[in-house]
Protein backbone atom coordinates (compact mmCIF):
# COMPACT_ATOMS: atom_id res chain seq x y z
CA MET A 1 174.64 117.32 -47.70
CA PRO A 2 177.45 115.00 -49.10
CA GLN A 3 177.11 112.91 -45.97
CA ASP A 4 173.38 112.39 -46.76
CA HIS A 5 174.27 110.84 -50.19
CA ASP A 6 177.02 108.74 -48.73
CA VAL A 7 174.58 107.52 -46.06
CA SER A 8 171.95 106.82 -48.79
CA LEU A 9 174.58 105.20 -51.02
CA LYS A 10 175.79 102.95 -48.21
CA SER A 11 172.18 101.92 -47.46
CA SER A 12 171.60 101.13 -51.10
CA LEU A 13 174.86 99.06 -51.13
CA THR A 14 173.84 97.13 -48.20
CA GLN A 15 170.47 96.57 -49.80
CA LEU A 16 172.03 95.43 -53.03
CA LYS A 17 174.33 93.13 -51.05
CA SER A 18 171.48 91.37 -49.43
CA GLN A 19 169.95 90.52 -52.83
CA ASN A 20 173.30 88.85 -53.74
CA ASN A 21 173.09 86.22 -56.40
CA PRO A 22 174.70 82.77 -56.10
CA ASP A 23 177.47 83.75 -58.50
CA ASN A 24 178.57 86.68 -56.28
CA ARG A 25 177.24 89.36 -58.67
CA LEU A 26 174.91 92.19 -57.47
CA LEU A 27 171.54 92.31 -59.26
CA MET A 28 170.84 96.10 -60.03
CA LYS A 29 167.81 97.70 -61.45
CA TYR A 30 168.18 100.54 -63.84
CA LYS A 31 166.82 102.96 -61.24
CA ASP A 32 169.83 101.87 -59.05
CA LEU A 33 172.17 102.36 -61.90
CA GLU A 34 170.86 106.02 -62.61
CA TYR A 35 171.05 106.82 -58.87
CA LEU A 36 174.77 105.44 -58.64
CA HIS A 37 175.59 107.62 -61.79
CA ASP A 38 174.15 110.75 -60.18
CA CYS A 39 176.04 110.06 -56.99
CA LEU A 40 179.34 109.66 -58.84
CA LYS A 41 178.69 112.82 -60.81
CA GLU A 42 178.34 114.76 -57.57
CA SER A 43 181.41 113.06 -55.96
CA GLN A 44 183.46 114.08 -58.93
CA THR A 45 182.52 117.65 -58.79
CA GLN A 46 183.62 117.77 -55.00
CA GLU A 47 187.17 116.86 -56.10
CA ASN A 48 187.17 113.73 -54.09
CA GLU A 49 188.54 110.35 -55.00
CA THR A 50 187.01 109.63 -58.32
CA ALA A 51 185.20 106.32 -58.92
CA HIS A 52 183.98 105.41 -62.45
CA LEU A 53 180.66 103.70 -63.33
CA TYR A 54 182.31 100.94 -65.23
CA GLN A 55 184.27 99.97 -62.15
CA LEU A 56 181.12 99.70 -60.19
CA MET A 57 179.52 97.60 -62.92
CA GLN A 58 182.16 94.99 -63.17
CA LEU A 59 180.76 92.97 -60.42
CA THR A 60 177.04 93.71 -61.15
CA VAL A 61 174.28 92.26 -63.31
CA LEU A 62 172.11 94.98 -64.89
CA GLU A 63 168.44 94.29 -65.01
CA LEU A 64 166.94 96.61 -67.58
CA PRO A 65 163.19 97.54 -67.37
CA LYS A 66 160.87 95.47 -69.58
CA PRO A 67 158.91 97.50 -72.14
CA ALA A 68 155.26 97.90 -71.40
CA PRO A 69 153.09 95.62 -73.45
CA ILE A 70 151.00 96.97 -76.27
CA GLU A 71 147.22 97.04 -75.65
CA ARG A 72 145.52 94.98 -78.30
CA THR A 73 142.15 96.61 -79.04
CA PRO A 74 139.43 94.79 -80.78
CA LEU A 75 139.79 97.18 -83.63
CA TYR A 76 143.60 96.41 -83.92
CA GLU A 77 142.93 92.61 -83.86
CA ALA A 78 140.12 92.89 -86.40
CA ARG A 79 142.53 94.93 -88.78
CA MET A 80 145.34 92.43 -88.30
CA GLU A 81 142.97 89.42 -89.04
CA ARG A 82 141.82 91.22 -92.26
CA LEU A 83 145.33 91.87 -93.36
CA ARG A 84 146.30 88.20 -92.63
CA ARG A 85 143.35 86.95 -94.70
CA GLN A 86 144.35 89.35 -97.59
CA ALA A 87 147.92 88.09 -97.60
CA ASP A 88 146.77 84.55 -97.53
CA GLU A 89 144.36 85.09 -100.32
CA ALA A 90 147.07 86.82 -102.45
CA ASP A 91 149.47 83.97 -101.98
CA TYR A 92 146.78 81.34 -102.82
CA GLN A 93 145.75 83.33 -106.07
CA SER A 94 149.55 83.46 -107.01
CA MET A 95 149.82 79.67 -106.54
CA VAL A 96 146.74 78.72 -108.54
CA LYS A 97 147.16 81.36 -111.28
CA ASN A 98 147.84 78.88 -114.07
CA VAL A 99 146.08 75.74 -112.69
CA SER A 100 142.91 76.03 -114.95
CA GLY A 101 144.74 74.16 -117.76
CA LYS A 102 144.11 76.83 -120.27
CA LYS A 103 146.92 78.58 -121.91
CA THR A 104 146.92 82.18 -120.90
CA VAL A 105 146.85 84.43 -123.89
CA ASN A 106 148.54 87.83 -123.26
CA GLU A 107 149.22 88.87 -126.75
CA SER A 108 146.75 89.34 -129.56
CA VAL A 109 146.98 87.37 -132.91
CA GLY A 110 147.85 90.52 -134.79
CA LYS A 111 150.78 91.37 -132.61
CA GLU A 112 152.21 87.74 -132.86
CA LEU A 113 151.86 88.06 -136.73
CA LYS A 114 153.57 91.42 -136.76
CA GLN A 115 156.46 89.88 -134.82
CA MET A 116 156.73 86.85 -136.92
CA ASP A 117 156.72 89.14 -140.09
CA SER A 118 159.43 91.24 -138.75
CA GLN A 119 161.50 88.07 -138.08
CA ALA A 120 160.99 86.69 -141.51
CA THR A 121 162.01 90.02 -143.03
CA PHE A 122 165.02 90.05 -140.93
CA MET A 123 166.02 86.54 -142.03
CA PHE A 124 165.32 87.38 -145.66
CA ASN A 125 167.64 90.39 -145.31
CA PHE A 126 170.28 88.26 -143.56
CA VAL A 127 170.42 85.70 -146.40
CA LEU A 128 170.30 88.34 -149.02
CA THR A 129 173.27 90.22 -147.74
CA VAL A 130 175.32 87.17 -147.30
CA LEU A 131 174.58 86.07 -150.87
CA GLY A 132 175.16 89.52 -152.19
CA ALA A 133 178.45 89.76 -150.54
CA PHE A 134 179.54 86.35 -151.92
CA ALA A 135 178.26 87.55 -155.51
CA PHE A 136 180.07 90.84 -155.14
CA GLY A 137 183.41 89.06 -154.30
CA TYR A 138 183.09 86.52 -157.02
CA LYS A 139 182.33 88.99 -159.86
CA ALA A 140 184.78 91.68 -158.46
CA VAL A 141 187.62 89.16 -159.03
CA GLU A 142 186.25 88.12 -162.47
CA TYR A 143 186.11 91.66 -163.67
CA THR A 144 189.42 92.70 -162.46
CA MET A 145 191.48 89.68 -164.02
CA ALA A 146 192.09 89.23 -167.68
CA THR A 147 191.71 85.51 -167.35
CA PRO A 148 188.98 83.89 -165.22
CA ASN A 149 190.53 82.22 -162.03
CA THR A 150 187.53 80.23 -160.52
CA SER A 151 189.51 79.29 -157.27
CA LEU A 152 190.39 82.77 -156.50
CA GLN A 153 187.04 83.97 -157.26
CA LEU A 154 185.54 81.40 -154.83
CA ILE A 155 188.03 82.33 -152.10
CA VAL A 156 187.26 85.99 -152.29
CA GLY A 157 183.52 85.32 -152.43
CA VAL A 158 183.52 83.04 -149.50
CA THR A 159 185.82 85.39 -147.52
CA LEU A 160 183.48 88.35 -148.03
CA ALA A 161 180.37 86.23 -147.36
CA THR A 162 181.86 85.07 -144.11
CA ILE A 163 182.67 88.58 -143.03
CA VAL A 164 179.27 89.75 -143.72
CA PHE A 165 177.78 86.75 -142.04
CA PHE A 166 179.54 87.38 -138.85
CA ALA A 167 178.71 91.06 -139.05
CA ASP A 168 175.04 90.30 -139.30
CA ILE A 169 175.24 87.83 -136.56
CA TYR A 170 176.70 90.35 -134.28
CA PHE A 171 173.71 92.74 -135.10
CA ILE A 172 171.20 90.00 -134.53
CA ILE A 173 172.60 89.22 -131.12
CA LYS A 174 172.91 92.90 -130.25
CA ASP A 175 169.20 93.69 -131.31
CA TYR A 176 167.46 90.53 -130.17
CA VAL A 177 169.28 89.31 -127.16
């Protein structure tokens, strides 16, 4: 039985050599590679001189089988055409969404007024707290000193107003940005 494999292997080798490429490499199909791999497995189990597949493939060019083409049925073609048209229509609609010249109104007038009211209230509170901090600093120095010192009152008032100003700016940025 091992001789049968050797004979068939030798005949395969001579057949492969007859198909020799111009660059002195053998052209092998995947079936040939599978057959050689099976033969090498059997020869390794018989405790003979071992040859490895990578040694055989160093001088070969492997030709892998081509995948079978997918059949395109009329139902498949119609579905693909419908999907292409839908994708093209969606692209077109996204391009001409705002071409009409009219400004799109996404929010109602009431919602805009409510937002404007909240911003006006916030700005009023902002100005009120800064002025209140200035007034507190100015009057606190006046009440604590026996004789009025206007320059010290102004310095303390402006310092407190500046601290409150930056604190309010921090919260504006934190809430609205």
